[in-house]
Amino acid sequence: MIGEPPSLYTLRNPLLTALRTNLELAARSSGADPLMTGAMEQTARWERLNDDLVQLSRIEGGIGLENVGPVDLGPQLCRLGLLMRRPCLKGY
């Protein structure tokens, strides 16, 4: 349905898990094959992208935002300023 976030099942693709498992098993038997290493790195990249999409879906659906509130960024910005050797505003 348009406007609703996709279900988590459609985003958590079991194919990626199966692919990673098969690549790991193949890597054990083939050793340090550069093609196998590249395939494993790309699979990890797809898994991270998939995880990011799941998080985005949850945020868009309002899941897990019950305890979200205002955050005072002053102390963090001051700390960043100190790290960059810049003076902080008064009060921080």
PDB file of N, CA and C in Angstrom:
ATOM      1  N   MET A   1       0.837  -1.175   0.000  1.00  0.00           N
ATOM      2  CA  MET A   1       0.000   0.000   0.000  1.00  0.00           C
ATOM      3  C   MET A   1       0.890   1.249   0.000  1.00  0.00           C
ATOM      4  N   ILE A   2       0.552   2.227  -0.806  1.00  0.00           N
ATOM      5  CA  ILE A   2       1.358   3.446  -0.907  1.00  0.00           C
ATOM      6  C   ILE A   2       1.227   4.249   0.376  1.00  0.00           C
ATOM      7  N   GLY A   3       2.349   4.798   0.855  1.00  0.00           N
ATOM      8  CA  GLY A   3       2.355   5.606   2.059  1.00  0.00           C
ATOM      9  C   GLY A   3       2.724   4.831   3.306  1.00  0.00           C
ATOM     10  N   GLU A   4       2.616   3.515   3.249  1.00  0.00           N
ATOM     11  CA  GLU A   4       2.998   2.693   4.397  1.00  0.00           C
ATOM     12  C   GLU A   4       4.407   2.180   4.193  1.00  0.00           C
ATOM     13  N   PRO A   5       5.190   2.086   5.289  1.00  0.00           N
ATOM     14  CA  PRO A   5       6.540   1.533   5.131  1.00  0.00           C
ATOM     15  C   PRO A   5       6.451   0.058   4.770  1.00  0.00           C
ATOM     16  N   PRO A   6       7.407  -0.425   3.959  1.00  0.00           N
ATOM     17  CA  PRO A   6       7.393  -1.845   3.630  1.00  0.00           C
ATOM     18  C   PRO A   6       7.567  -2.678   4.889  1.00  0.00           C
ATOM     19  N   SER A   7       7.050  -3.879   4.850  1.00  0.00           N
ATOM     20  CA  SER A   7       7.194  -4.740   6.025  1.00  0.00           C
ATOM     21  C   SER A   7       8.656  -5.087   6.213  1.00  0.00           C
ATOM     22  N   LEU A   8       9.022  -5.363   7.459  1.00  0.00           N
ATOM     23  CA  LEU A   8      10.407  -5.707   7.749  1.00  0.00           C
ATOM     24  C   LEU A   8      10.811  -6.988   7.038  1.00  0.00           C
ATOM     25  N   TYR A   9       9.866  -7.884   6.816  1.00  0.00           N
ATOM     26  CA  TYR A   9      10.206  -9.127   6.134  1.00  0.00           C
ATOM     27  C   TYR A   9      10.669  -8.852   4.705  1.00  0.00           C
ATOM     28  N   THR A  10      10.001  -7.923   4.034  1.00  0.00           N
ATOM     29  CA  THR A  10      10.392  -7.654   2.650  1.00  0.00           C
ATOM     30  C   THR A  10      11.750  -6.976   2.585  1.00  0.00           C
ATOM     31  N   LEU A  11      12.155  -6.281   3.652  1.00  0.00           N
ATOM     32  CA  LEU A  11      13.459  -5.621   3.651  1.00  0.00           C
ATOM     33  C   LEU A  11      14.576  -6.550   4.132  1.00  0.00           C
ATOM     34  N   ARG A  12      14.259  -7.423   5.065  1.00  0.00           N
ATOM     35  CA  ARG A  12      15.263  -8.369   5.574  1.00  0.00           C
ATOM     36  C   ARG A  12      15.251  -9.584   4.677  1.00  0.00           C
ATOM     37  N   ASN A  13      16.063  -9.510   3.681  1.00  0.00           N
ATOM     38  CA  ASN A  13      16.055 -10.530   2.646  1.00  0.00           C
ATOM     39  C   ASN A  13      16.854 -11.755   3.093  1.00  0.00           C
ATOM     40  N   PRO A  14      16.203 -12.897   3.218  1.00  0.00           N
ATOM     41  CA  PRO A  14      16.921 -14.101   3.611  1.00  0.00           C
ATOM     42  C   PRO A  14      17.954 -14.525   2.574  1.00  0.00           C
ATOM     43  N   LEU A  15      17.806 -14.035   1.367  1.00  0.00           N
ATOM     44  CA  LEU A  15      18.770 -14.347   0.319  1.00  0.00           C
ATOM     45  C   LEU A  15      20.172 -13.859   0.690  1.00  0.00           C
ATOM     46  N   LEU A  16      20.270 -12.667   1.316  1.00  0.00           N
ATOM     47  CA  LEU A  16      21.578 -12.143   1.711  1.00  0.00           C
ATOM     48  C   LEU A  16      22.238 -13.030   2.755  1.00  0.00           C
ATOM     49  N   THR A  17      21.451 -13.527   3.686  1.00  0.00           N
ATOM     50  CA  THR A  17      21.997 -14.409   4.713  1.00  0.00           C
ATOM     51  C   THR A  17      22.489 -15.705   4.087  1.00  0.00           C
ATOM     52  N   ALA A  18      21.709 -16.269   3.195  1.00  0.00           N
ATOM     53  CA  ALA A  18      22.114 -17.504   2.520  1.00  0.00           C
ATOM     54  C   ALA A  18      23.352 -17.281   1.664  1.00  0.00           C
ATOM     55  N   LEU A  19      23.396 -16.154   0.975  1.00  0.00           N
ATOM     56  CA  LEU A  19      24.557 -15.843   0.134  1.00  0.00           C
ATOM     57  C   LEU A  19      25.816 -15.715   0.983  1.00  0.00           C
ATOM     58  N   ARG A  20      25.717 -14.972   2.089  1.00  0.00           N
ATOM     59  CA  ARG A  20      26.877 -14.794   2.966  1.00  0.00           C
ATOM     60  C   ARG A  20      27.354 -16.134   3.514  1.00  0.00           C
ATOM     61  N   THR A  21      26.419 -16.966   3.946  1.00  0.00           N
ATOM     62  CA  THR A  21      26.779 -18.269   4.496  1.00  0.00           C
ATOM     63  C   THR A  21      27.480 -19.129   3.449  1.00  0.00           C
ATOM     64  N   ASN A  22      26.943 -19.162   2.244  1.00  0.00           N
ATOM     65  CA  ASN A  22      27.560 -19.954   1.174  1.00  0.00           C
ATOM     66  C   ASN A  22      28.931 -19.417   0.796  1.00  0.00           C
ATOM     67  N   LEU A  23      29.086 -18.100   0.776  1.00  0.00           N
ATOM     68  CA  LEU A  23      30.396 -17.516   0.463  1.00  0.00           C
ATOM     69  C   LEU A  23      31.412 -17.847   1.553  1.00  0.00           C
ATOM     70  N   GLU A  24      30.984 -17.796   2.805  1.00  0.00           N
ATOM     71  CA  GLU A  24      31.899 -18.137   3.900  1.00  0.00           C
ATOM     72  C   GLU A  24      32.340 -19.595   3.818  1.00  0.00           C
ATOM     73  N   LEU A  25      31.405 -20.473   3.515  1.00  0.00           N
ATOM     74  CA  LEU A  25      31.755 -21.890   3.372  1.00  0.00           C
ATOM     75  C   LEU A  25      32.696 -22.109   2.191  1.00  0.00           C
ATOM     76  N   ALA A  26      32.425 -21.441   1.076  1.00  0.00           N
ATOM     77  CA  ALA A  26      33.286 -21.577  -0.097  1.00  0.00           C
ATOM     78  C   ALA A  26      34.667 -20.993   0.180  1.00  0.00           C
ATOM     79  N   ALA A  27      34.736 -19.907   0.939  1.00  0.00           N
ATOM     80  CA  ALA A  27      36.017 -19.281   1.250  1.00  0.00           C
ATOM     81  C   ALA A  27      36.876 -20.203   2.114  1.00  0.00           C
ATOM     82  N   ARG A  28      36.245 -20.958   2.987  1.00  0.00           N
ATOM     83  CA  ARG A  28      37.000 -21.902   3.824  1.00  0.00           C
ATOM     84  C   ARG A  28      37.691 -22.958   2.974  1.00  0.00           C
ATOM     85  N   SER A  29      37.009 -23.401   1.936  1.00  0.00           N
ATOM     86  CA  SER A  29      37.593 -24.463   1.118  1.00  0.00           C
ATOM     87  C   SER A  29      38.536 -23.934   0.045  1.00  0.00           C
ATOM     88  N   SER A  30      38.331 -22.692  -0.398  1.00  0.00           N
ATOM     89  CA  SER A  30      39.166 -22.168  -1.484  1.00  0.00           C
ATOM     90  C   SER A  30      40.329 -21.317  -0.998  1.00  0.00           C
ATOM     91  N   GLY A  31      40.362 -20.983   0.272  1.00  0.00           N
ATOM     92  CA  GLY A  31      41.448 -20.148   0.788  1.00  0.00           C
ATOM     93  C   GLY A  31      41.199 -18.678   0.504  1.00  0.00           C
ATOM     94  N   ALA A  32      42.286 -17.940   0.326  1.00  0.00           N
ATOM     95  CA  ALA A  32      42.206 -16.481   0.169  1.00  0.00           C
ATOM     96  C   ALA A  32      42.078 -16.093  -1.303  1.00  0.00           C
ATOM     97  N   ASP A  33      41.010 -16.494  -1.925  1.00  0.00           N
ATOM     98  CA  ASP A  33      40.745 -16.154  -3.326  1.00  0.00           C
ATOM     99  C   ASP A  33      40.265 -14.708  -3.402  1.00  0.00           C
ATOM    100  N   PRO A  34      40.934 -13.861  -4.221  1.00  0.00           N
ATOM    101  CA  PRO A  34      40.532 -12.450  -4.297  1.00  0.00           C
ATOM    102  C   PRO A  34      39.081 -12.263  -4.765  1.00  0.00           C
ATOM    103  N   LEU A  35      38.607 -13.114  -5.655  1.00  0.00           N
ATOM    104  CA  LEU A  35      37.221 -12.993  -6.105  1.00  0.00           C
ATOM    105  C   LEU A  35      36.251 -13.305  -4.975  1.00  0.00           C
ATOM    106  N   MET A  36      36.588 -14.304  -4.170  1.00  0.00           N
ATOM    107  CA  MET A  36      35.743 -14.677  -3.044  1.00  0.00           C
ATOM    108  C   MET A  36      35.734 -13.544  -2.009  1.00  0.00           C
ATOM    109  N   THR A  37      36.906 -12.971  -1.762  1.00  0.00           N
ATOM    110  CA  THR A  37      37.005 -11.859  -0.811  1.00  0.00           C
ATOM    111  C   THR A  37      36.158 -10.685  -1.287  1.00  0.00           C
ATOM    112  N   GLY A  38      36.246 -10.370  -2.580  1.00  0.00           N
ATOM    113  CA  GLY A  38      35.448  -9.275  -3.139  1.00  0.00           C
ATOM    114  C   GLY A  38      33.958  -9.539  -3.031  1.00  0.00           C
ATOM    115  N   ALA A  39      33.558 -10.781  -3.297  1.00  0.00           N
ATOM    116  CA  ALA A  39      32.140 -11.138  -3.207  1.00  0.00           C
ATOM    117  C   ALA A  39      31.653 -11.015  -1.765  1.00  0.00           C
ATOM    118  N   MET A  40      32.489 -11.415  -0.805  1.00  0.00           N
ATOM    119  CA  MET A  40      32.103 -11.308   0.603  1.00  0.00           C
ATOM    120  C   MET A  40      31.995  -9.845   1.030  1.00  0.00           C
ATOM    121  N   GLU A  41      32.906  -9.010   0.536  1.00  0.00           N
ATOM    122  CA  GLU A  41      32.845  -7.578   0.866  1.00  0.00           C
ATOM    123  C   GLU A  41      31.586  -6.944   0.291  1.00  0.00           C
ATOM    124  N   GLN A  42      31.231  -7.303  -0.935  1.00  0.00           N
ATOM    125  CA  GLN A  42      30.021  -6.753  -1.552  1.00  0.00           C
ATOM    126  C   GLN A  42      28.769  -7.235  -0.831  1.00  0.00           C
ATOM    127  N   THR A  43      28.779  -8.487  -0.397  1.00  0.00           N
ATOM    128  CA  THR A  43      27.638  -9.010   0.355  1.00  0.00           C
ATOM    129  C   THR A  43      27.489  -8.263   1.678  1.00  0.00           C
ATOM    130  N   ALA A  44      28.606  -8.007   2.347  1.00  0.00           N
ATOM    131  CA  ALA A  44      28.562  -7.235   3.596  1.00  0.00           C
ATOM    132  C   ALA A  44      28.023  -5.832   3.334  1.00  0.00           C
ATOM    133  N   ARG A  45      28.413  -5.252   2.220  1.00  0.00           N
ATOM    134  CA  ARG A  45      27.929  -3.914   1.845  1.00  0.00           C
ATOM    135  C   ARG A  45      26.409  -3.942   1.645  1.00  0.00           C
ATOM    136  N   TRP A  46      25.904  -4.968   0.951  1.00  0.00           N
ATOM    137  CA  TRP A  46      24.463  -5.095   0.739  1.00  0.00           C
ATOM    138  C   TRP A  46      23.727  -5.311   2.050  1.00  0.00           C
ATOM    139  N   GLU A  47      24.335  -6.064   2.971  1.00  0.00           N
ATOM    140  CA  GLU A  47      23.708  -6.273   4.274  1.00  0.00           C
ATOM    141  C   GLU A  47      23.623  -4.966   5.058  1.00  0.00           C
ATOM    142  N   ARG A  48      24.679  -4.148   5.008  1.00  0.00           N
ATOM    143  CA  ARG A  48      24.644  -2.840   5.689  1.00  0.00           C
ATOM    144  C   ARG A  48      23.568  -1.946   5.068  1.00  0.00           C
ATOM    145  N   LEU A  49      23.497  -1.948   3.739  1.00  0.00           N
ATOM    146  CA  LEU A  49      22.476  -1.157   3.059  1.00  0.00           C
ATOM    147  C   LEU A  49      21.081  -1.641   3.453  1.00  0.00           C
ATOM    148  N   ASN A  50      20.906  -2.946   3.507  1.00  0.00           N
ATOM    149  CA  ASN A  50      19.631  -3.524   3.908  1.00  0.00           C
ATOM    150  C   ASN A  50      19.266  -3.121   5.333  1.00  0.00           C
ATOM    151  N   ASP A  51      20.245  -3.177   6.242  1.00  0.00           N
ATOM    152  CA  ASP A  51      20.012  -2.759   7.632  1.00  0.00           C
ATOM    153  C   ASP A  51      19.631  -1.286   7.708  1.00  0.00           C
ATOM    154  N   ASP A  52      20.288  -0.460   6.897  1.00  0.00           N
ATOM    155  CA  ASP A  52      19.951   0.970   6.866  1.00  0.00           C
ATOM    156  C   ASP A  52      18.518   1.181   6.388  1.00  0.00           C
ATOM    157  N   LEU A  53      18.096   0.403   5.393  1.00  0.00           N
ATOM    158  CA  LEU A  53      16.726   0.524   4.891  1.00  0.00           C
ATOM    159  C   LEU A  53      15.710   0.080   5.942  1.00  0.00           C
ATOM    160  N   VAL A  54      16.047  -0.938   6.709  1.00  0.00           N
ATOM    161  CA  VAL A  54      15.160  -1.376   7.789  1.00  0.00           C
ATOM    162  C   VAL A  54      15.037  -0.267   8.831  1.00  0.00           C
ATOM    163  N   GLN A  55      16.167   0.347   9.193  1.00  0.00           N
ATOM    164  CA  GLN A  55      16.123   1.454  10.165  1.00  0.00           C
ATOM    165  C   GLN A  55      15.302   2.612   9.625  1.00  0.00           C
ATOM    166  N   LEU A  56      15.495   2.962   8.367  1.00  0.00           N
ATOM    167  CA  LEU A  56      14.735   4.053   7.764  1.00  0.00           C
ATOM    168  C   LEU A  56      13.248   3.735   7.759  1.00  0.00           C
ATOM    169  N   SER A  57      12.915   2.500   7.450  1.00  0.00           N
ATOM    170  CA  SER A  57      11.515   2.084   7.461  1.00  0.00           C
ATOM    171  C   SER A  57      10.910   2.228   8.852  1.00  0.00           C
ATOM    172  N   ARG A  58      11.672   1.849   9.866  1.00  0.00           N
ATOM    173  CA  ARG A  58      11.181   1.985  11.243  1.00  0.00           C
ATOM    174  C   ARG A  58      10.979   3.447  11.610  1.00  0.00           C
ATOM    175  N   ILE A  59      11.920   4.285  11.237  1.00  0.00           N
ATOM    176  CA  ILE A  59      11.806   5.715  11.543  1.00  0.00           C
ATOM    177  C   ILE A  59      10.592   6.307  10.850  1.00  0.00           C
ATOM    178  N   GLU A  60      10.435   5.996   9.560  1.00  0.00           N
ATOM    179  CA  GLU A  60       9.291   6.522   8.818  1.00  0.00           C
ATOM    180  C   GLU A  60       7.971   6.003   9.371  1.00  0.00           C
ATOM    181  N   GLY A  61       7.992   4.802   9.917  1.00  0.00           N
ATOM    182  CA  GLY A  61       6.783   4.227  10.503  1.00  0.00           C
ATOM    183  C   GLY A  61       6.561   4.637  11.946  1.00  0.00           C
ATOM    184  N   GLY A  62       7.497   5.396  12.512  1.00  0.00           N
ATOM    185  CA  GLY A  62       7.369   5.856  13.893  1.00  0.00           C
ATOM    186  C   GLY A  62       7.704   4.795  14.919  1.00  0.00           C
ATOM    187  N   ILE A  63       8.339   3.707  14.488  1.00  0.00           N
ATOM    188  CA  ILE A  63       8.678   2.615  15.404  1.00  0.00           C
ATOM    189  C   ILE A  63       9.962   2.968  16.144  1.00  0.00           C
ATOM    190  N   GLY A  64       9.931   2.873  17.466  1.00  0.00           N
ATOM    191  CA  GLY A  64      11.120   3.125  18.269  1.00  0.00           C
ATOM    192  C   GLY A  64      11.379   4.592  18.563  1.00  0.00           C
ATOM    193  N   LEU A  65      10.418   5.444  18.277  1.00  0.00           N
ATOM    194  CA  LEU A  65      10.605   6.877  18.516  1.00  0.00           C
ATOM    195  C   LEU A  65       9.861   7.355  19.760  1.00  0.00           C
ATOM    196  N   GLU A  66       9.423   6.420  20.580  1.00  0.00           N
ATOM    197  CA  GLU A  66       8.621   6.788  21.746  1.00  0.00           C
ATOM    198  C   GLU A  66       9.401   7.627  22.753  1.00  0.00           C
ATOM    199  N   ASN A  67      10.690   7.387  22.890  1.00  0.00           N
ATOM    200  CA  ASN A  67      11.499   8.073  23.896  1.00  0.00           C
ATOM    201  C   ASN A  67      12.365   9.185  23.316  1.00  0.00           C
ATOM    202  N   VAL A  68      12.011   9.666  22.147  1.00  0.00           N
ATOM    203  CA  VAL A  68      12.802  10.710  21.500  1.00  0.00           C
ATOM    204  C   VAL A  68      12.328  12.066  22.005  1.00  0.00           C
ATOM    205  N   GLY A  69      13.286  12.920  22.317  1.00  0.00           N
ATOM    206  CA  GLY A  69      12.955  14.252  22.788  1.00  0.00           C
ATOM    207  C   GLY A  69      14.022  15.245  22.384  1.00  0.00           C
ATOM    208  N   PRO A  70      13.878  16.481  22.814  1.00  0.00           N
ATOM    209  CA  PRO A  70      14.872  17.498  22.464  1.00  0.00           C
ATOM    210  C   PRO A  70      16.244  17.164  23.050  1.00  0.00           C
ATOM    211  N   VAL A  71      17.265  17.570  22.349  1.00  0.00           N
ATOM    212  CA  VAL A  71      18.643  17.343  22.778  1.00  0.00           C
ATOM    213  C   VAL A  71      19.368  18.679  22.787  1.00  0.00           C
ATOM    214  N   ASP A  72      20.056  18.971  23.882  1.00  0.00           N
ATOM    215  CA  ASP A  72      20.854  20.193  23.973  1.00  0.00           C
ATOM    216  C   ASP A  72      22.191  19.945  23.276  1.00  0.00           C
ATOM    217  N   LEU A  73      22.383  20.553  22.133  1.00  0.00           N
ATOM    218  CA  LEU A  73      23.602  20.341  21.353  1.00  0.00           C
ATOM    219  C   LEU A  73      24.752  21.231  21.796  1.00  0.00           C
ATOM    220  N   GLY A  74      24.479  22.188  22.692  1.00  0.00           N
ATOM    221  CA  GLY A  74      25.520  23.113  23.128  1.00  0.00           C
ATOM    222  C   GLY A  74      26.777  22.434  23.634  1.00  0.00           C
ATOM    223  N   PRO A  75      26.675  21.501  24.589  1.00  0.00           N
ATOM    224  CA  PRO A  75      27.883  20.843  25.090  1.00  0.00           C
ATOM    225  C   PRO A  75      28.651  20.067  24.010  1.00  0.00           C
ATOM    226  N   GLN A  76      27.907  19.407  23.116  1.00  0.00           N
ATOM    227  CA  GLN A  76      28.580  18.658  22.057  1.00  0.00           C
ATOM    228  C   GLN A  76      29.286  19.595  21.078  1.00  0.00           C
ATOM    229  N   LEU A  77      28.624  20.711  20.753  1.00  0.00           N
ATOM    230  CA  LEU A  77      29.243  21.674  19.842  1.00  0.00           C
ATOM    231  C   LEU A  77      30.454  22.334  20.485  1.00  0.00           C
ATOM    232  N   CYS A  78      30.352  22.592  21.785  1.00  0.00           N
ATOM    233  CA  CYS A  78      31.490  23.162  22.507  1.00  0.00           C
ATOM    234  C   CYS A  78      32.658  22.192  22.478  1.00  0.00           C
ATOM    235  N   ARG A  79      32.385  20.937  22.740  1.00  0.00           N
ATOM    236  CA  ARG A  79      33.441  19.918  22.711  1.00  0.00           C
ATOM    237  C   ARG A  79      34.078  19.860  21.330  1.00  0.00           C
ATOM    238  N   LEU A  80      33.253  19.925  20.299  1.00  0.00           N
ATOM    239  CA  LEU A  80      33.771  19.925  18.937  1.00  0.00           C
ATOM    240  C   LEU A  80      34.641  21.158  18.701  1.00  0.00           C
ATOM    241  N   GLY A  81      34.191  22.299  19.215  1.00  0.00           N
ATOM    242  CA  GLY A  81      34.981  23.516  19.091  1.00  0.00           C
ATOM    243  C   GLY A  81      36.327  23.396  19.782  1.00  0.00           C
ATOM    244  N   LEU A  82      36.334  22.765  20.949  1.00  0.00           N
ATOM    245  CA  LEU A  82      37.595  22.552  21.663  1.00  0.00           C
ATOM    246  C   LEU A  82      38.513  21.632  20.877  1.00  0.00           C
ATOM    247  N   LEU A  83      37.925  20.618  20.262  1.00  0.00           N
ATOM    248  CA  LEU A  83      38.733  19.714  19.445  1.00  0.00           C
ATOM    249  C   LEU A  83      39.335  20.434  18.243  1.00  0.00           C
ATOM    250  N   MET A  84      38.596  21.436  17.761  1.00  0.00           N
ATOM    251  CA  MET A  84      39.082  22.210  16.614  1.00  0.00           C
ATOM    252  C   MET A  84      39.850  23.451  17.066  1.00  0.00           C
ATOM    253  N   ARG A  85      40.073  23.550  18.379  1.00  0.00           N
ATOM    254  CA  ARG A  85      40.815  24.659  18.986  1.00  0.00           C
ATOM    255  C   ARG A  85      40.154  26.013  18.734  1.00  0.00           C
ATOM    256  N   ARG A  86      38.825  26.005  18.903  1.00  0.00           N
ATOM    257  CA  ARG A  86      38.060  27.232  18.773  1.00  0.00           C
ATOM    258  C   ARG A  86      37.354  27.483  20.103  1.00  0.00           C
ATOM    259  N   PRO A  87      37.211  28.708  20.526  1.00  0.00           N
ATOM    260  CA  PRO A  87      36.578  28.984  21.822  1.00  0.00           C
ATOM    261  C   PRO A  87      35.088  28.630  21.807  1.00  0.00           C
ATOM    262  N   CYS A  88      34.591  28.250  22.983  1.00  0.00           N
ATOM    263  CA  CYS A  88      33.180  27.923  23.150  1.00  0.00           C
ATOM    264  C   CYS A  88      32.399  29.183  23.487  1.00  0.00           C
ATOM    265  N   LEU A  89      31.089  29.129  23.246  1.00  0.00           N
ATOM    266  CA  LEU A  89      30.221  30.226  23.659  1.00  0.00           C
ATOM    267  C   LEU A  89      30.094  30.190  25.166  1.00  0.00           C
ATOM    268  N   LYS A  90      29.804  31.346  25.772  1.00  0.00           N
ATOM    269  CA  LYS A  90      29.641  31.393  27.215  1.00  0.00           C
ATOM    270  C   LYS A  90      28.461  30.518  27.619  1.00  0.00           C
ATOM    271  N   GLY A  91      28.614  29.889  28.751  1.00  0.00           N
ATOM    272  CA  GLY A  91      27.553  29.026  29.260  1.00  0.00           C
ATOM    273  C   GLY A  91      27.784  27.556  28.966  1.00  0.00           C
ATOM    274  N   TYR A  92      28.788  27.240  28.158  1.00  0.00           N
ATOM    275  CA  TYR A  92      29.052  25.829  27.843  1.00  0.00           C
ATOM    276  C   TYR A  92      30.454  25.522  28.225  1.00  0.00           C
TER     277      TYR A  92
END
